[in-house]
């Protein structure tokens, strides 16, 4: 491992380089951005089946880095009607902020990826539907996760293909 100068992002030089699909590269370019090193490194590690811990300053693109592997995977596979990514947020407001931040690239790239939150404020009808027809990405709180795990639909919701 080598540390980058950008932040305290550990770079794994043994992982193959990540390749962003053209749709993602075009989205970055349209915004006048280029993918950051730590975003590509997290993607490479995820694609290699490896874990990572990212520590970076505010404004460094951590949210996109963290969700980029899921977005790339879901864009390639298409909707499956199954939960792909579960994000556990300590605060419901953070989950709502992250949902809003993810909706921008998803919408601007024309991706058919569903992102929803599940907090104590989520209507009961939505919570019921999420158990049997979950979004691709679910952002939730520890309390709601405990309720999901204890539910009769937990095995279907959390199974892996």
N, C-alpha and C. Protein backbone atom coordinates (compact mmCIF):
# COMPACT_ATOMS: atom_id res chain seq x y z
N UNK A 1 0.83 -1.18 0.00
CA UNK A 1 0.00 0.00 0.00
C UNK A 1 0.88 1.25 0.00
N UNK A 2 0.38 2.24 -0.71
CA UNK A 2 1.07 3.51 -0.77
C UNK A 2 0.03 4.59 -0.48
N UNK A 3 0.42 5.63 0.20
CA UNK A 3 -0.51 6.70 0.52
C UNK A 3 -0.43 7.76 -0.57
N UNK A 4 -1.60 8.31 -0.94
CA UNK A 4 -1.61 9.37 -1.94
C UNK A 4 -1.44 10.71 -1.26
N UNK A 5 -1.11 11.72 -2.05
CA UNK A 5 -0.99 13.06 -1.52
C UNK A 5 -2.33 13.75 -1.34
N UNK A 6 -3.40 13.24 -1.98
CA UNK A 6 -4.69 13.89 -1.91
C UNK A 6 -5.28 13.86 -0.51
N UNK A 7 -5.16 12.77 0.15
CA UNK A 7 -5.73 12.62 1.48
C UNK A 7 -5.12 11.37 2.08
N UNK A 8 -5.78 10.83 3.04
CA UNK A 8 -5.30 9.59 3.65
C UNK A 8 -5.93 8.38 2.96
N UNK A 9 -5.94 8.38 1.64
CA UNK A 9 -6.51 7.29 0.87
C UNK A 9 -5.42 6.27 0.59
N UNK A 10 -5.62 5.05 1.02
CA UNK A 10 -4.64 4.01 0.75
C UNK A 10 -4.81 3.52 -0.68
N UNK A 11 -3.72 3.47 -1.42
CA UNK A 11 -3.75 3.03 -2.81
C UNK A 11 -3.16 1.63 -2.88
N UNK A 12 -3.89 0.74 -3.48
CA UNK A 12 -3.44 -0.64 -3.65
C UNK A 12 -2.86 -0.78 -5.04
N UNK A 13 -1.55 -0.84 -5.14
CA UNK A 13 -0.90 -0.92 -6.44
C UNK A 13 -0.99 -2.32 -7.06
N UNK A 14 -1.50 -3.31 -6.30
CA UNK A 14 -1.62 -4.65 -6.85
C UNK A 14 -2.97 -4.87 -7.52
N UNK A 15 -3.94 -3.99 -7.25
CA UNK A 15 -5.26 -4.13 -7.86
C UNK A 15 -5.20 -3.66 -9.30
N UNK A 16 -5.92 -4.35 -10.19
CA UNK A 16 -5.95 -3.88 -11.58
C UNK A 16 -6.64 -2.52 -11.64
N UNK A 17 -6.27 -1.68 -12.60
CA UNK A 17 -6.89 -0.36 -12.67
C UNK A 17 -8.37 -0.47 -12.97
N UNK A 18 -9.14 0.43 -12.38
CA UNK A 18 -10.58 0.45 -12.61
C UNK A 18 -10.86 1.08 -13.96
N UNK A 19 -11.87 0.58 -14.61
CA UNK A 19 -12.30 1.16 -15.88
C UNK A 19 -13.72 1.65 -15.71
N UNK A 20 -13.90 2.93 -15.87
CA UNK A 20 -15.24 3.49 -15.81
C UNK A 20 -15.90 3.35 -17.18
N UNK A 21 -17.16 2.95 -17.19
CA UNK A 21 -17.89 2.90 -18.47
C UNK A 21 -17.96 4.29 -19.09
N UNK A 22 -18.10 4.33 -20.39
CA UNK A 22 -18.13 5.59 -21.14
C UNK A 22 -19.20 6.54 -20.61
N UNK A 23 -20.34 6.01 -20.25
CA UNK A 23 -21.42 6.84 -19.72
C UNK A 23 -20.98 7.61 -18.48
N UNK A 24 -20.20 6.97 -17.63
CA UNK A 24 -19.71 7.61 -16.41
C UNK A 24 -18.63 8.64 -16.74
N UNK A 25 -17.71 8.28 -17.65
CA UNK A 25 -16.67 9.23 -18.06
C UNK A 25 -17.29 10.47 -18.69
N UNK A 26 -18.33 10.29 -19.51
CA UNK A 26 -19.00 11.42 -20.15
C UNK A 26 -19.68 12.30 -19.10
N UNK A 27 -20.25 11.68 -18.07
CA UNK A 27 -20.90 12.45 -17.01
C UNK A 27 -19.87 13.31 -16.27
N UNK A 28 -18.74 12.72 -15.92
CA UNK A 28 -17.68 13.50 -15.27
C UNK A 28 -17.26 14.66 -16.17
N UNK A 29 -17.01 14.37 -17.44
CA UNK A 29 -16.54 15.40 -18.38
C UNK A 29 -17.57 16.51 -18.55
N UNK A 30 -18.84 16.17 -18.61
CA UNK A 30 -19.90 17.18 -18.77
C UNK A 30 -19.93 18.15 -17.59
N UNK A 31 -19.48 17.70 -16.44
CA UNK A 31 -19.44 18.56 -15.26
C UNK A 31 -18.09 19.26 -15.12
N UNK A 32 -17.18 18.99 -16.05
CA UNK A 32 -15.86 19.59 -15.98
C UNK A 32 -14.97 18.91 -14.95
N UNK A 33 -15.29 17.67 -14.64
CA UNK A 33 -14.56 16.91 -13.64
C UNK A 33 -13.80 15.77 -14.30
N UNK A 34 -12.92 15.20 -13.54
CA UNK A 34 -12.29 13.93 -13.89
C UNK A 34 -12.41 13.05 -12.64
N UNK A 35 -12.56 11.75 -12.82
CA UNK A 35 -12.62 10.88 -11.63
C UNK A 35 -11.36 11.05 -10.81
N UNK A 36 -11.53 11.12 -9.51
CA UNK A 36 -10.37 11.26 -8.62
C UNK A 36 -9.72 9.90 -8.40
N UNK A 37 -8.46 9.95 -8.05
CA UNK A 37 -7.69 8.72 -7.85
C UNK A 37 -8.36 7.81 -6.84
N UNK A 38 -8.80 8.36 -5.72
CA UNK A 38 -9.41 7.51 -4.70
C UNK A 38 -10.74 6.91 -5.16
N UNK A 39 -11.46 7.60 -6.03
CA UNK A 39 -12.70 7.04 -6.56
C UNK A 39 -12.41 5.83 -7.44
N UNK A 40 -11.40 5.95 -8.28
CA UNK A 40 -11.02 4.84 -9.15
C UNK A 40 -10.42 3.69 -8.35
N UNK A 41 -9.67 4.02 -7.31
CA UNK A 41 -9.07 2.96 -6.47
C UNK A 41 -10.14 2.18 -5.72
N UNK A 42 -11.15 2.87 -5.19
CA UNK A 42 -12.24 2.16 -4.53
C UNK A 42 -12.97 1.27 -5.52
N UNK A 43 -13.20 1.78 -6.72
CA UNK A 43 -13.86 0.98 -7.74
C UNK A 43 -13.02 -0.25 -8.08
N UNK A 44 -11.72 -0.07 -8.25
CA UNK A 44 -10.84 -1.20 -8.57
C UNK A 44 -10.86 -2.24 -7.46
N UNK A 45 -10.80 -1.80 -6.22
CA UNK A 45 -10.81 -2.74 -5.10
C UNK A 45 -12.13 -3.50 -5.06
N UNK A 46 -13.24 -2.80 -5.26
CA UNK A 46 -14.55 -3.46 -5.26
C UNK A 46 -14.64 -4.47 -6.40
N UNK A 47 -14.17 -4.09 -7.57
CA UNK A 47 -14.21 -4.99 -8.72
C UNK A 47 -13.33 -6.22 -8.50
N UNK A 48 -12.30 -6.07 -7.67
CA UNK A 48 -11.42 -7.19 -7.35
C UNK A 48 -11.93 -7.98 -6.14
N UNK A 49 -13.09 -7.57 -5.60
CA UNK A 49 -13.66 -8.27 -4.45
C UNK A 49 -12.96 -7.96 -3.14
N UNK A 50 -12.34 -6.81 -3.06
CA UNK A 50 -11.58 -6.44 -1.87
C UNK A 50 -12.28 -5.32 -1.12
N UNK A 51 -11.99 -5.19 0.14
CA UNK A 51 -12.55 -4.15 0.99
C UNK A 51 -11.66 -2.92 0.98
N UNK A 52 -12.23 -1.80 1.43
CA UNK A 52 -11.45 -0.57 1.50
C UNK A 52 -12.03 0.33 2.57
N UNK A 53 -11.20 1.18 3.09
CA UNK A 53 -11.60 2.23 4.01
C UNK A 53 -11.08 3.53 3.44
N UNK A 54 -11.98 4.47 3.19
CA UNK A 54 -11.59 5.76 2.62
C UNK A 54 -11.73 6.84 3.67
N UNK A 55 -10.68 7.58 3.85
CA UNK A 55 -10.69 8.75 4.73
C UNK A 55 -10.24 9.91 3.87
N UNK A 56 -11.12 10.87 3.65
CA UNK A 56 -10.81 12.00 2.79
C UNK A 56 -11.55 13.22 3.30
N UNK A 57 -11.06 14.41 2.97
CA UNK A 57 -11.70 15.64 3.47
C UNK A 57 -13.04 15.91 2.81
N UNK A 58 -13.80 16.78 3.42
CA UNK A 58 -15.07 17.22 2.87
C UNK A 58 -14.84 17.76 1.46
N UNK A 59 -15.74 17.39 0.55
CA UNK A 59 -15.63 17.87 -0.82
C UNK A 59 -14.74 17.03 -1.70
N UNK A 60 -14.22 15.92 -1.18
CA UNK A 60 -13.31 15.09 -1.97
C UNK A 60 -14.03 14.03 -2.80
N UNK A 61 -15.35 13.98 -2.72
CA UNK A 61 -16.09 13.00 -3.51
C UNK A 61 -16.21 11.64 -2.86
N UNK A 62 -16.29 11.62 -1.52
CA UNK A 62 -16.37 10.33 -0.80
C UNK A 62 -17.67 9.59 -1.10
N UNK A 63 -18.79 10.31 -1.13
CA UNK A 63 -20.07 9.65 -1.37
C UNK A 63 -20.06 8.97 -2.73
N UNK A 64 -19.63 9.68 -3.75
CA UNK A 64 -19.57 9.08 -5.07
C UNK A 64 -18.57 7.94 -5.10
N UNK A 65 -17.44 8.10 -4.44
CA UNK A 65 -16.45 7.01 -4.39
C UNK A 65 -17.05 5.76 -3.77
N UNK A 66 -17.77 5.94 -2.68
CA UNK A 66 -18.34 4.80 -1.98
C UNK A 66 -19.43 4.09 -2.76
N UNK A 67 -20.20 4.83 -3.53
CA UNK A 67 -21.30 4.23 -4.28
C UNK A 67 -20.96 3.93 -5.73
N UNK A 68 -19.82 4.40 -6.22
CA UNK A 68 -19.43 4.18 -7.61
C UNK A 68 -19.41 2.69 -7.98
N UNK A 69 -18.86 1.81 -7.14
CA UNK A 69 -18.90 0.39 -7.51
C UNK A 69 -20.32 -0.14 -7.71
N UNK A 70 -21.23 0.26 -6.85
CA UNK A 70 -22.62 -0.20 -6.99
C UNK A 70 -23.27 0.41 -8.23
N UNK A 71 -23.03 1.68 -8.47
CA UNK A 71 -23.61 2.34 -9.65
C UNK A 71 -23.11 1.71 -10.94
N UNK A 72 -21.80 1.45 -11.02
CA UNK A 72 -21.23 0.83 -12.21
C UNK A 72 -21.80 -0.58 -12.40
N UNK A 73 -21.85 -1.34 -11.31
CA UNK A 73 -22.39 -2.70 -11.38
C UNK A 73 -23.85 -2.70 -11.81
N UNK A 74 -24.65 -1.86 -11.19
CA UNK A 74 -26.08 -1.81 -11.53
C UNK A 74 -26.31 -1.30 -12.94
N UNK A 75 -25.50 -0.35 -13.39
CA UNK A 75 -25.64 0.15 -14.76
C UNK A 75 -25.35 -0.96 -15.77
N UNK A 76 -24.39 -1.81 -15.45
CA UNK A 76 -24.03 -2.90 -16.36
C UNK A 76 -25.05 -4.04 -16.33
N UNK A 77 -25.56 -4.36 -15.14
CA UNK A 77 -26.47 -5.50 -14.99
C UNK A 77 -27.92 -5.15 -15.24
N UNK A 78 -28.29 -3.90 -14.99
CA UNK A 78 -29.69 -3.52 -15.08
C UNK A 78 -30.42 -3.91 -13.81
N UNK A 79 -31.63 -3.44 -13.70
CA UNK A 79 -32.44 -3.69 -12.52
C UNK A 79 -32.74 -5.18 -12.39
N UNK A 80 -32.61 -5.69 -11.19
CA UNK A 80 -32.88 -7.11 -10.93
C UNK A 80 -34.09 -7.31 -10.03
N UNK A 81 -34.61 -6.23 -9.46
CA UNK A 81 -35.72 -6.35 -8.52
C UNK A 81 -35.26 -6.82 -7.16
N UNK A 82 -33.95 -6.81 -6.94
CA UNK A 82 -33.39 -7.24 -5.66
C UNK A 82 -32.55 -6.13 -5.07
N UNK A 83 -32.40 -6.18 -3.76
CA UNK A 83 -31.55 -5.22 -3.07
C UNK A 83 -30.10 -5.51 -3.43
N UNK A 84 -29.41 -4.51 -3.95
CA UNK A 84 -28.01 -4.66 -4.33
C UNK A 84 -27.10 -4.08 -3.27
N UNK A 85 -27.46 -2.89 -2.76
CA UNK A 85 -26.59 -2.16 -1.84
C UNK A 85 -27.40 -1.66 -0.66
N UNK A 86 -26.87 -1.92 0.52
CA UNK A 86 -27.49 -1.44 1.76
C UNK A 86 -26.51 -0.50 2.43
N UNK A 87 -26.95 0.73 2.67
CA UNK A 87 -26.12 1.72 3.35
C UNK A 87 -26.74 1.99 4.71
N UNK A 88 -25.96 1.82 5.73
CA UNK A 88 -26.42 2.04 7.10
C UNK A 88 -25.93 3.40 7.57
N UNK A 89 -26.86 4.29 7.83
CA UNK A 89 -26.54 5.65 8.24
C UNK A 89 -26.86 5.84 9.72
N UNK A 90 -25.97 6.48 10.46
CA UNK A 90 -26.25 6.72 11.87
C UNK A 90 -27.33 7.79 12.06
N UNK A 91 -27.58 8.59 11.03
CA UNK A 91 -28.56 9.67 11.12
C UNK A 91 -29.51 9.63 9.93
N UNK A 92 -30.80 9.77 10.18
CA UNK A 92 -31.74 9.75 9.06
C UNK A 92 -31.50 10.92 8.12
N UNK A 93 -31.10 12.08 8.65
CA UNK A 93 -30.84 13.24 7.79
C UNK A 93 -29.69 12.95 6.82
N UNK A 94 -28.70 12.21 7.26
CA UNK A 94 -27.58 11.85 6.40
C UNK A 94 -28.05 10.91 5.28
N UNK A 95 -28.90 9.97 5.61
CA UNK A 95 -29.44 9.06 4.60
C UNK A 95 -30.21 9.84 3.54
N UNK A 96 -30.99 10.81 3.96
CA UNK A 96 -31.76 11.64 3.02
C UNK A 96 -30.81 12.47 2.14
N UNK A 97 -29.76 13.04 2.74
CA UNK A 97 -28.78 13.81 1.97
C UNK A 97 -28.08 12.93 0.94
N UNK A 98 -27.70 11.74 1.33
CA UNK A 98 -27.02 10.84 0.41
C UNK A 98 -27.94 10.44 -0.74
N UNK A 99 -29.21 10.17 -0.42
CA UNK A 99 -30.16 9.84 -1.49
C UNK A 99 -30.23 10.99 -2.50
N UNK A 100 -30.34 12.20 -2.02
CA UNK A 100 -30.40 13.36 -2.90
C UNK A 100 -29.12 13.47 -3.74
N UNK A 101 -27.96 13.24 -3.11
CA UNK A 101 -26.69 13.33 -3.83
C UNK A 101 -26.53 12.22 -4.87
N UNK A 102 -27.10 11.06 -4.63
CA UNK A 102 -27.02 9.97 -5.60
C UNK A 102 -27.98 10.16 -6.76
N UNK A 103 -29.12 10.79 -6.48
CA UNK A 103 -30.11 10.97 -7.54
C UNK A 103 -29.58 11.83 -8.68
N UNK A 104 -28.69 12.77 -8.39
CA UNK A 104 -28.16 13.65 -9.44
C UNK A 104 -27.41 12.86 -10.52
N UNK A 105 -26.36 12.11 -10.16
CA UNK A 105 -25.67 11.37 -11.23
C UNK A 105 -26.56 10.30 -11.87
N UNK A 106 -27.40 9.66 -11.09
CA UNK A 106 -28.29 8.62 -11.65
C UNK A 106 -29.20 9.24 -12.70
N UNK A 107 -29.80 10.36 -12.37
CA UNK A 107 -30.70 11.04 -13.30
C UNK A 107 -29.95 11.57 -14.51
N UNK A 108 -28.83 12.25 -14.27
CA UNK A 108 -28.09 12.86 -15.38
C UNK A 108 -27.49 11.85 -16.33
N UNK A 109 -27.19 10.64 -15.84
CA UNK A 109 -26.66 9.59 -16.73
C UNK A 109 -27.77 8.74 -17.33
N UNK A 110 -29.00 8.97 -16.89
CA UNK A 110 -30.12 8.18 -17.41
C UNK A 110 -30.09 6.74 -16.95
N UNK A 111 -29.57 6.50 -15.75
CA UNK A 111 -29.49 5.14 -15.21
C UNK A 111 -30.85 4.73 -14.64
N UNK A 112 -31.18 3.46 -14.79
CA UNK A 112 -32.43 2.95 -14.23
C UNK A 112 -32.10 2.25 -12.91
N UNK A 113 -31.66 3.05 -11.96
CA UNK A 113 -31.27 2.56 -10.63
C UNK A 113 -32.18 3.24 -9.62
N UNK A 114 -32.81 2.43 -8.78
CA UNK A 114 -33.69 3.00 -7.76
C UNK A 114 -32.95 3.12 -6.43
N UNK A 115 -33.11 4.28 -5.81
CA UNK A 115 -32.50 4.58 -4.52
C UNK A 115 -33.61 5.07 -3.61
N UNK A 116 -33.70 4.49 -2.42
CA UNK A 116 -34.72 4.92 -1.46
C UNK A 116 -34.12 4.95 -0.07
N UNK A 117 -34.76 5.75 0.77
CA UNK A 117 -34.42 5.75 2.18
C UNK A 117 -35.50 4.99 2.93
N UNK A 118 -35.12 4.53 4.10
CA UNK A 118 -36.06 3.87 5.00
C UNK A 118 -35.69 4.32 6.41
N UNK A 119 -36.49 5.24 6.92
CA UNK A 119 -36.28 5.76 8.26
C UNK A 119 -37.61 5.67 9.01
N UNK A 120 -37.62 6.15 10.22
CA UNK A 120 -38.86 6.19 10.98
C UNK A 120 -39.91 7.06 10.34
N UNK A 121 -39.51 7.98 9.46
CA UNK A 121 -40.44 8.87 8.77
C UNK A 121 -40.99 8.30 7.48
N UNK A 122 -40.47 7.17 7.04
CA UNK A 122 -40.94 6.56 5.80
C UNK A 122 -42.36 6.04 6.00
N UNK A 123 -43.28 6.35 5.09
CA UNK A 123 -44.66 5.87 5.25
C UNK A 123 -44.72 4.34 5.35
N UNK A 124 -45.67 3.86 6.14
CA UNK A 124 -45.81 2.41 6.35
C UNK A 124 -46.01 1.67 5.03
N UNK A 125 -46.74 2.25 4.10
CA UNK A 125 -46.97 1.57 2.81
C UNK A 125 -45.66 1.39 2.05
N UNK A 126 -44.78 2.37 2.12
CA UNK A 126 -43.48 2.27 1.46
C UNK A 126 -42.62 1.22 2.15
N UNK A 127 -42.62 1.22 3.47
CA UNK A 127 -41.83 0.22 4.22
C UNK A 127 -42.31 -1.19 3.89
N UNK A 128 -43.63 -1.39 3.78
CA UNK A 128 -44.16 -2.72 3.42
C UNK A 128 -43.68 -3.12 2.03
N UNK A 129 -43.77 -2.20 1.06
CA UNK A 129 -43.36 -2.51 -0.30
C UNK A 129 -41.87 -2.80 -0.38
N UNK A 130 -41.06 -2.09 0.38
CA UNK A 130 -39.61 -2.29 0.34
C UNK A 130 -39.20 -3.69 0.78
N UNK A 131 -40.02 -4.35 1.56
CA UNK A 131 -39.69 -5.70 2.01
C UNK A 131 -39.79 -6.72 0.88
N UNK A 132 -40.75 -6.52 -0.02
CA UNK A 132 -40.96 -7.49 -1.09
C UNK A 132 -40.52 -6.98 -2.46
N UNK A 133 -40.46 -5.67 -2.63
CA UNK A 133 -40.00 -5.06 -3.88
C UNK A 133 -39.00 -3.96 -3.52
N UNK A 134 -37.81 -4.38 -3.10
CA UNK A 134 -36.84 -3.39 -2.61
C UNK A 134 -36.23 -2.56 -3.73
N UNK A 135 -35.71 -1.39 -3.37
CA UNK A 135 -34.96 -0.61 -4.35
C UNK A 135 -33.61 -1.27 -4.60
N UNK A 136 -32.90 -0.80 -5.61
CA UNK A 136 -31.55 -1.30 -5.86
C UNK A 136 -30.61 -0.90 -4.72
N UNK A 137 -30.77 0.33 -4.25
CA UNK A 137 -29.94 0.86 -3.17
C UNK A 137 -30.87 1.34 -2.06
N UNK A 138 -30.67 0.82 -0.87
CA UNK A 138 -31.49 1.22 0.28
C UNK A 138 -30.59 1.88 1.33
N UNK A 139 -30.97 3.08 1.70
CA UNK A 139 -30.26 3.85 2.72
C UNK A 139 -31.13 3.84 3.97
N UNK A 140 -30.61 3.31 5.06
CA UNK A 140 -31.45 3.15 6.23
C UNK A 140 -30.68 3.43 7.52
N UNK A 141 -31.39 3.34 8.61
CA UNK A 141 -30.82 3.59 9.93
C UNK A 141 -30.68 2.27 10.70
N UNK A 142 -29.89 2.24 11.75
CA UNK A 142 -29.76 1.00 12.54
C UNK A 142 -31.09 0.49 13.07
N UNK A 143 -31.96 1.38 13.48
CA UNK A 143 -33.27 0.96 14.02
C UNK A 143 -34.10 0.28 12.94
N UNK A 144 -34.12 0.84 11.75
CA UNK A 144 -34.89 0.24 10.66
C UNK A 144 -34.26 -1.06 10.19
N UNK A 145 -32.94 -1.14 10.20
CA UNK A 145 -32.27 -2.39 9.83
C UNK A 145 -32.65 -3.49 10.81
N UNK A 146 -32.68 -3.18 12.09
CA UNK A 146 -33.08 -4.18 13.09
C UNK A 146 -34.49 -4.69 12.80
N UNK A 147 -35.40 -3.80 12.43
CA UNK A 147 -36.77 -4.22 12.10
C UNK A 147 -36.79 -5.07 10.84
N UNK A 148 -35.99 -4.72 9.85
CA UNK A 148 -35.93 -5.51 8.61
C UNK A 148 -35.39 -6.91 8.87
N UNK A 149 -34.35 -7.00 9.67
CA UNK A 149 -33.74 -8.31 9.97
C UNK A 149 -34.71 -9.21 10.71
N UNK A 150 -35.52 -8.62 11.58
CA UNK A 150 -36.47 -9.40 12.38
C UNK A 150 -37.74 -9.77 11.61
N UNK A 151 -37.93 -9.21 10.44
CA UNK A 151 -39.14 -9.42 9.66
C UNK A 151 -39.15 -10.78 8.98
N UNK A 152 -40.34 -11.28 8.73
CA UNK A 152 -40.49 -12.57 8.05
C UNK A 152 -39.92 -12.54 6.62
N UNK A 153 -39.85 -11.38 5.99
CA UNK A 153 -39.32 -11.25 4.63
C UNK A 153 -37.81 -11.08 4.58
N UNK A 154 -37.14 -11.14 5.72
CA UNK A 154 -35.70 -10.86 5.78
C UNK A 154 -34.90 -11.79 4.87
N UNK A 155 -35.24 -13.05 4.86
CA UNK A 155 -34.46 -14.00 4.05
C UNK A 155 -34.54 -13.63 2.57
N UNK A 156 -35.70 -13.27 2.09
CA UNK A 156 -35.85 -12.88 0.69
C UNK A 156 -35.13 -11.56 0.42
N UNK A 157 -35.26 -10.61 1.32
CA UNK A 157 -34.66 -9.29 1.14
C UNK A 157 -33.14 -9.34 1.13
N UNK A 158 -32.56 -10.13 2.02
CA UNK A 158 -31.11 -10.12 2.19
C UNK A 158 -30.39 -11.30 1.55
N UNK A 159 -31.07 -12.11 0.76
CA UNK A 159 -30.38 -13.23 0.11
C UNK A 159 -29.41 -12.69 -0.93
N UNK A 160 -28.45 -13.48 -1.27
CA UNK A 160 -27.52 -13.10 -2.33
C UNK A 160 -27.64 -14.10 -3.45
N UNK A 161 -27.57 -13.58 -4.66
CA UNK A 161 -27.72 -14.45 -5.86
C UNK A 161 -26.50 -15.29 -6.06
